[in-house]
Amino acid sequence: MQLHRADVVDGAIAILDQYGLADLTMRRLASSLQVQPGALYWHFPNKQALLGAVADRILAPMEDPVAAEEWSGQITELAHRLRDCLLAYRDGAELVSSTYASRLTTSKGRERLASAAIRAGMPRHEAELAAFTLLYYVLGQTVDEQSRMQMDSAGALADETPIDETPDATARFDFGLQLFVAGVRHLLGSRVR
């Protein structure tokens, strides 16, 4: 059977979900695909490039159409979609965060956030900064959420360790997202005066 690039990404995602990012090694991946490790390098020059392709697969739903018509609804919808993409895979937020830092993943999700900010009336350079700000908020919030879920499932969190006063992670996420949208509105409103 011939090994294809998509097979390698599928295998990497299976290992990510089962063992986590720390145990996603080229040796383990090659073993699970029943090939020699060198066969993986035919498709990816290094592990970082493979992780970039895995991140692109995780983020693929960011390219789906957006239902909201108004900029604030688009930003909210895209931010929730990004969070959902990250939560769909074990260590998804950590993996995507590392590939964003190394610029090895697609920037389409960030570009869509920037486009929504432009529709709100922001100049492109500010819309780009706003998109990065929101991206880093979603990544950071979701890394924390996934870490806490894993620590809790391993019994590493004491029962008396409060996450905060709001036990619902989505409600905490929404609060920060509302602050972001309100900040954009305030910034744009202050320029009209």
Protein backbone atom coordinates (compact mmCIF):
# COMPACT_ATOMS: atom_id res chain seq x y z
CA MET A 1 0.00 0.00 0.00
CA GLN A 2 1.33 3.40 -0.96
CA LEU A 3 1.51 5.98 1.82
CA HIS A 4 -0.08 9.33 0.98
CA ARG A 5 0.33 12.70 2.67
CA ALA A 6 -3.29 12.56 3.93
CA ASP A 7 -2.58 9.14 5.51
CA VAL A 8 0.29 10.64 7.47
CA VAL A 9 -1.88 13.53 8.70
CA ASP A 10 -4.69 11.12 9.61
CA GLY A 11 -2.25 8.96 11.55
CA ALA A 12 -0.82 11.98 13.36
CA ILE A 13 -4.31 13.14 14.36
CA ALA A 14 -5.14 9.66 15.68
CA ILE A 15 -2.02 9.69 17.85
CA LEU A 16 -2.73 13.26 18.98
CA ASP A 17 -6.22 12.27 20.11
CA GLN A 18 -5.11 9.07 21.81
CA TYR A 19 -1.82 10.09 23.44
CA GLY A 20 -1.54 13.89 23.23
CA LEU A 21 0.94 16.25 21.62
CA ALA A 22 3.89 15.26 23.81
CA ASP A 23 3.70 11.68 22.54
CA LEU A 24 3.20 12.54 18.88
CA THR A 25 6.63 11.50 17.63
CA MET A 26 7.74 10.60 14.13
CA ARG A 27 8.85 7.18 15.40
CA ARG A 28 5.44 6.43 16.97
CA LEU A 29 3.67 7.71 13.85
CA ALA A 30 5.79 5.55 11.55
CA SER A 31 5.14 2.52 13.74
CA SER A 32 1.38 3.12 13.73
CA LEU A 33 1.43 3.46 9.93
CA GLN A 34 3.67 0.36 9.65
CA VAL A 35 6.39 2.18 7.74
CA GLN A 36 9.97 3.15 8.42
CA PRO A 37 10.38 6.67 9.89
CA GLY A 38 12.19 7.75 6.71
CA ALA A 39 8.98 7.18 4.72
CA LEU A 40 7.36 10.07 6.59
CA TYR A 41 10.05 12.47 5.43
CA TRP A 42 9.04 11.83 1.83
CA HIS A 43 5.84 13.75 2.65
CA PHE A 44 7.09 16.16 5.34
CA PRO A 45 10.65 17.48 5.64
CA ASN A 46 10.42 17.60 9.45
CA LYS A 47 8.05 17.22 12.38
CA GLN A 48 7.25 20.93 12.43
CA ALA A 49 5.95 20.78 8.85
CA LEU A 50 3.82 17.77 9.80
CA LEU A 51 2.39 19.66 12.79
CA GLY A 52 1.57 22.56 10.47
CA ALA A 53 -0.41 20.19 8.24
CA VAL A 54 -2.20 18.74 11.27
CA ALA A 55 -3.07 22.27 12.42
CA ASP A 56 -4.40 23.07 8.94
CA ARG A 57 -6.65 20.00 9.16
CA ILE A 58 -7.85 21.02 12.63
CA LEU A 59 -8.63 24.52 11.36
CA ALA A 60 -10.31 23.44 8.09
CA PRO A 61 -13.84 24.36 9.35
CA MET A 62 -12.69 27.99 9.63
CA GLU A 63 -13.15 28.16 5.84
CA ASP A 64 -16.85 27.22 6.01
CA PRO A 65 -19.40 29.96 5.24
CA VAL A 66 -20.43 32.32 8.02
CA ALA A 67 -24.15 32.72 8.71
CA ALA A 68 -23.97 36.10 10.46
CA GLU A 69 -24.24 39.20 8.31
CA GLU A 70 -23.18 41.93 10.74
CA TRP A 71 -19.47 42.25 11.63
CA SER A 72 -19.94 41.60 15.36
CA GLY A 73 -21.92 38.43 14.64
CA GLN A 74 -19.25 37.30 12.19
CA ILE A 75 -16.49 37.84 14.73
CA THR A 76 -18.46 36.02 17.41
CA GLU A 77 -19.31 33.13 15.09
CA LEU A 78 -15.72 32.77 13.88
CA ALA A 79 -14.29 32.94 17.41
CA HIS A 80 -16.67 30.21 18.58
CA ARG A 81 -15.87 28.13 15.50
CA LEU A 82 -12.15 28.47 16.20
CA ARG A 83 -12.67 27.38 19.80
CA ASP A 84 -14.75 24.41 18.65
CA CYS A 85 -12.03 23.39 16.17
CA LEU A 86 -9.42 23.46 18.92
CA LEU A 87 -11.55 21.58 21.44
CA ALA A 88 -12.36 18.85 18.93
CA TYR A 89 -8.85 17.37 19.36
CA ARG A 90 -6.80 16.55 22.42
CA ASP A 91 -4.14 19.26 22.79
CA GLY A 92 -5.62 20.98 19.71
CA ALA A 93 -5.11 24.46 21.12
CA GLU A 94 -1.51 23.78 22.14
CA LEU A 95 -0.66 22.32 18.74
CA VAL A 96 -2.28 25.13 16.77
CA SER A 97 -0.71 27.74 19.06
CA SER A 98 2.76 26.35 18.44
CA THR A 99 2.26 26.23 14.69
CA TYR A 100 0.93 29.80 14.63
CA ALA A 101 4.00 30.93 16.55
CA SER A 102 6.27 29.28 13.98
CA ARG A 103 4.07 30.48 11.06
CA LEU A 104 3.63 26.89 9.86
CA THR A 105 -0.15 26.86 9.64
CA THR A 106 -2.69 28.57 7.48
CA SER A 107 -3.71 32.09 8.40
CA LYS A 108 -7.15 31.85 6.79
CA GLY A 109 -9.01 31.91 10.12
CA ARG A 110 -7.13 35.01 11.22
CA GLU A 111 -7.70 36.60 7.83
CA ARG A 112 -11.44 36.00 8.15
CA LEU A 113 -11.42 37.69 11.57
CA ALA A 114 -9.54 40.63 10.06
CA SER A 115 -12.06 40.87 7.21
CA ALA A 116 -14.92 41.11 9.71
CA ALA A 117 -13.07 43.91 11.53
CA ILE A 118 -12.56 45.72 8.21
CA ARG A 119 -16.31 45.45 7.56
CA ALA A 120 -16.80 47.10 10.96
CA GLY A 121 -14.83 50.08 9.67
CA MET A 122 -11.30 49.42 10.92
CA PRO A 123 -8.35 50.25 8.68
CA ARG A 124 -6.55 47.11 7.47
CA HIS A 125 -3.50 47.46 9.74
CA GLU A 126 -5.72 47.78 12.84
CA ALA A 127 -7.98 44.96 11.66
CA GLU A 128 -4.91 42.72 11.38
CA LEU A 129 -3.87 43.63 14.94
CA ALA A 130 -7.42 43.05 16.18
CA ALA A 131 -7.49 39.64 14.49
CA PHE A 132 -4.20 38.64 16.15
CA THR A 133 -5.51 39.86 19.50
CA LEU A 134 -8.67 37.78 19.19
CA LEU A 135 -6.74 34.77 17.88
CA TYR A 136 -4.42 34.87 20.88
CA TYR A 137 -7.38 35.25 23.24
CA VAL A 138 -9.09 32.16 21.79
CA LEU A 139 -5.86 30.14 21.77
CA GLY A 140 -4.93 31.10 25.34
CA GLN A 141 -8.41 30.55 26.73
CA THR A 142 -8.68 27.17 25.01
CA VAL A 143 -5.19 25.99 26.03
CA ASP A 144 -6.17 26.73 29.64
CA GLU A 145 -9.53 24.99 29.22
CA GLN A 146 -7.98 21.87 27.68
CA SER A 147 -5.22 21.74 30.30
CA ARG A 148 -7.75 21.94 33.11
CA MET A 149 -9.92 19.23 31.53
CA GLN A 150 -6.92 16.91 31.25
CA MET A 151 -5.76 17.63 34.79
CA ASP A 152 -9.28 17.03 36.06
CA SER A 153 -9.62 13.72 34.17
CA ALA A 154 -6.28 12.61 35.63
CA GLY A 155 -7.45 13.54 39.14
CA ALA A 156 -4.79 16.23 39.43
CA LEU A 157 -7.24 18.99 40.45
CA ALA A 158 -8.41 18.99 44.03
CA ASP A 159 -12.17 19.27 44.43
CA GLU A 160 -11.75 22.58 46.22
CA THR A 161 -9.69 24.09 43.37
CA PRO A 162 -12.10 26.59 41.82
CA ILE A 163 -11.58 27.49 38.18
CA ASP A 164 -13.46 30.69 38.96
CA GLU A 165 -16.95 31.70 39.99
CA THR A 166 -18.36 30.71 36.57
CA PRO A 167 -18.05 26.94 36.17
CA ASP A 168 -19.23 27.04 32.54
CA ALA A 169 -16.20 27.41 30.26
CA THR A 170 -18.37 28.67 27.40
CA ALA A 171 -19.79 31.43 29.59
CA ARG A 172 -16.26 32.51 30.55
CA PHE A 173 -15.26 32.46 26.90
CA ASP A 174 -18.33 34.48 25.88
CA PHE A 175 -17.60 37.11 28.53
CA GLY A 176 -14.14 37.78 27.09
CA LEU A 177 -15.50 37.74 23.56
CA GLN A 178 -18.17 40.31 24.50
CA LEU A 179 -15.44 42.52 25.98
CA PHE A 180 -13.50 42.30 22.74
CA VAL A 181 -16.51 43.20 20.54
CA ALA A 182 -17.46 46.03 22.91
CA GLY A 183 -13.89 47.34 22.70
CA VAL A 184 -14.00 47.36 18.90
CA ARG A 185 -17.36 49.18 18.99
CA HIS A 186 -15.97 51.72 21.47
CA LEU A 187 -12.86 52.32 19.37
CA LEU A 188 -14.91 52.84 16.21
CA GLY A 189 -17.46 55.02 18.02
CA SER A 190 -14.78 57.27 19.48
CA ARG A 191 -13.55 58.06 15.97
CA VAL A 192 -16.95 59.17 14.73
CA ARG A 193 -17.28 61.97 17.29
